[in-house]
Amino acid sequence: CQEPCMRANRCPARCPCQNGGICQGRGVCLCPPGWMGAVCTERCPPGRYGTNCAKECLCHNGGHCDAEKGQCQCDPGYTGE
């Protein structure tokens, strides 16, 4: 994926983006929120969310962060963020 392909219909698939990732050319994948890595195969680590997992979650009392939108999911007995 180092060389750009000038004729899309004659180029082999060289960008194996996964999980809804979009090929940006030259083998670079744009991953959807919640995913990261060269071909979008890695989920965001705990405490991170969004595009390229660049945003930090601020859930309290053991709340779990949604890797796509950053919404906190509370354990039983807790509400809020």
C-alpha atoms as a PDB file:
ATOM      1  CA  CYS A   1       0.000   0.000   0.000  1.00  0.00           C
ATOM      2  CA  GLN A   2       2.862   2.434  -0.572  1.00  0.00           C
ATOM      3  CA  GLU A   3       1.912   3.474  -4.099  1.00  0.00           C
ATOM      4  CA  PRO A   4      -1.352   5.211  -4.992  1.00  0.00           C
ATOM      5  CA  CYS A   5      -3.497   3.506  -7.565  1.00  0.00           C
ATOM      6  CA  MET A   6      -4.610   5.803 -10.365  1.00  0.00           C
ATOM      7  CA  ARG A   7      -7.297   3.524 -11.824  1.00  0.00           C
ATOM      8  CA  ALA A   8      -9.491   2.187  -9.060  1.00  0.00           C
ATOM      9  CA  ASN A   9     -11.163  -0.466 -11.188  1.00  0.00           C
ATOM     10  CA  ARG A  10      -7.800  -2.043 -12.048  1.00  0.00           C
ATOM     11  CA  CYS A  11      -6.297  -2.023  -8.599  1.00  0.00           C
ATOM     12  CA  PRO A  12      -6.349  -5.037  -6.315  1.00  0.00           C
ATOM     13  CA  ALA A  13      -7.837  -4.602  -2.882  1.00  0.00           C
ATOM     14  CA  ARG A  14      -4.888  -3.557  -0.752  1.00  0.00           C
ATOM     15  CA  CYS A  15      -6.584  -2.016   2.207  1.00  0.00           C
ATOM     16  CA  PRO A  16      -8.129  -4.723   4.391  1.00  0.00           C
ATOM     17  CA  CYS A  17      -9.971  -2.368   6.767  1.00  0.00           C
ATOM     18  CA  GLN A  18     -12.159  -4.232   9.257  1.00  0.00           C
ATOM     19  CA  ASN A  19     -15.168  -3.352  11.442  1.00  0.00           C
ATOM     20  CA  GLY A  20     -16.477  -0.641   9.137  1.00  0.00           C
ATOM     21  CA  GLY A  21     -13.128   1.058   8.575  1.00  0.00           C
ATOM     22  CA  ILE A  22     -12.760   3.086   5.378  1.00  0.00           C
ATOM     23  CA  CYS A  23      -9.665   2.907   3.218  1.00  0.00           C
ATOM     24  CA  GLN A  24      -8.085   6.332   2.847  1.00  0.00           C
ATOM     25  CA  GLY A  25      -5.580   5.173   0.235  1.00  0.00           C
ATOM     26  CA  ARG A  26      -2.005   4.004   0.563  1.00  0.00           C
ATOM     27  CA  GLY A  27      -3.084   1.333   3.024  1.00  0.00           C
ATOM     28  CA  VAL A  28      -4.359   3.733   5.670  1.00  0.00           C
ATOM     29  CA  CYS A  29      -7.667   2.904   7.341  1.00  0.00           C
ATOM     30  CA  LEU A  30      -9.973   5.453   8.936  1.00  0.00           C
ATOM     31  CA  CYS A  31     -11.498   3.505  11.806  1.00  0.00           C
ATOM     32  CA  PRO A  32     -15.010   4.162  13.112  1.00  0.00           C
ATOM     33  CA  PRO A  33     -15.480   5.250  16.736  1.00  0.00           C
ATOM     34  CA  GLY A  34     -14.607   2.452  19.146  1.00  0.00           C
ATOM     35  CA  TRP A  35     -11.908   0.918  16.939  1.00  0.00           C
ATOM     36  CA  MET A  36      -8.216   1.539  16.349  1.00  0.00           C
ATOM     37  CA  GLY A  37      -5.142  -0.067  14.817  1.00  0.00           C
ATOM     38  CA  ALA A  38      -3.739  -0.316  11.304  1.00  0.00           C
ATOM     39  CA  VAL A  39      -6.780  -2.181   9.951  1.00  0.00           C
ATOM     40  CA  CYS A  40      -9.327  -1.340  12.695  1.00  0.00           C
ATOM     41  CA  THR A  41      -9.157  -4.670  14.511  1.00  0.00           C
ATOM     42  CA  GLU A  42      -8.429  -3.353  18.010  1.00  0.00           C
ATOM     43  CA  ARG A  43     -11.214  -2.165  20.338  1.00  0.00           C
ATOM     44  CA  CYS A  44     -10.557   0.947  22.383  1.00  0.00           C
ATOM     45  CA  PRO A  45      -8.786   0.150  25.647  1.00  0.00           C
ATOM     46  CA  PRO A  46     -10.756   0.619  28.873  1.00  0.00           C
ATOM     47  CA  GLY A  47     -11.265   4.290  29.648  1.00  0.00           C
ATOM     48  CA  ARG A  48     -10.956   5.469  26.025  1.00  0.00           C
ATOM     49  CA  TYR A  49     -13.540   6.031  23.286  1.00  0.00           C
ATOM     50  CA  GLY A  50     -14.251   7.697  19.953  1.00  0.00           C
ATOM     51  CA  THR A  51     -12.317   7.982  16.712  1.00  0.00           C
ATOM     52  CA  ASN A  52      -8.848   6.481  17.189  1.00  0.00           C
ATOM     53  CA  CYS A  53      -9.816   6.057  20.853  1.00  0.00           C
ATOM     54  CA  ALA A  54      -8.561   9.620  21.361  1.00  0.00           C
ATOM     55  CA  LYS A  55     -11.101  10.660  23.994  1.00  0.00           C
ATOM     56  CA  GLU A  56     -10.980   9.793  27.683  1.00  0.00           C
ATOM     57  CA  CYS A  57     -13.983   8.438  29.570  1.00  0.00           C
ATOM     58  CA  LEU A  58     -14.764   9.893  32.955  1.00  0.00           C
ATOM     59  CA  CYS A  59     -17.001   7.205  34.453  1.00  0.00           C
ATOM     60  CA  HIS A  60     -17.047   6.929  38.256  1.00  0.00           C
ATOM     61  CA  ASN A  61     -17.557   4.108  40.777  1.00  0.00           C
ATOM     62  CA  GLY A  62     -16.610   1.327  38.386  1.00  0.00           C
ATOM     63  CA  GLY A  63     -18.842   2.502  35.530  1.00  0.00           C
ATOM     64  CA  HIS A  64     -18.016   1.084  32.116  1.00  0.00           C
ATOM     65  CA  CYS A  65     -17.475   3.364  29.153  1.00  0.00           C
ATOM     66  CA  ASP A  66     -19.120   2.747  25.781  1.00  0.00           C
ATOM     67  CA  ALA A  67     -16.150   2.658  23.366  1.00  0.00           C
ATOM     68  CA  GLU A  68     -18.109   4.335  20.567  1.00  0.00           C
ATOM     69  CA  LYS A  69     -19.971   7.212  22.238  1.00  0.00           C
ATOM     70  CA  GLY A  70     -18.308   7.508  25.638  1.00  0.00           C
ATOM     71  CA  GLN A  71     -21.522   7.021  27.590  1.00  0.00           C
ATOM     72  CA  CYS A  72     -21.104   5.506  31.030  1.00  0.00           C
ATOM     73  CA  GLN A  73     -22.859   2.250  31.828  1.00  0.00           C
ATOM     74  CA  CYS A  74     -23.349   2.010  35.566  1.00  0.00           C
ATOM     75  CA  ASP A  75     -23.181  -1.094  37.697  1.00  0.00           C
ATOM     76  CA  PRO A  76     -26.383  -2.091  39.542  1.00  0.00           C
ATOM     77  CA  GLY A  77     -27.107   0.328  42.359  1.00  0.00           C
ATOM     78  CA  TYR A  78     -25.530   3.340  40.615  1.00  0.00           C
ATOM     79  CA  THR A  79     -26.914   6.009  38.297  1.00  0.00           C
ATOM     80  CA  GLY A  80     -25.448   9.042  36.536  1.00  0.00           C
ATOM     81  CA  GLU A  81     -21.950   9.227  35.129  1.00  0.00           C
END
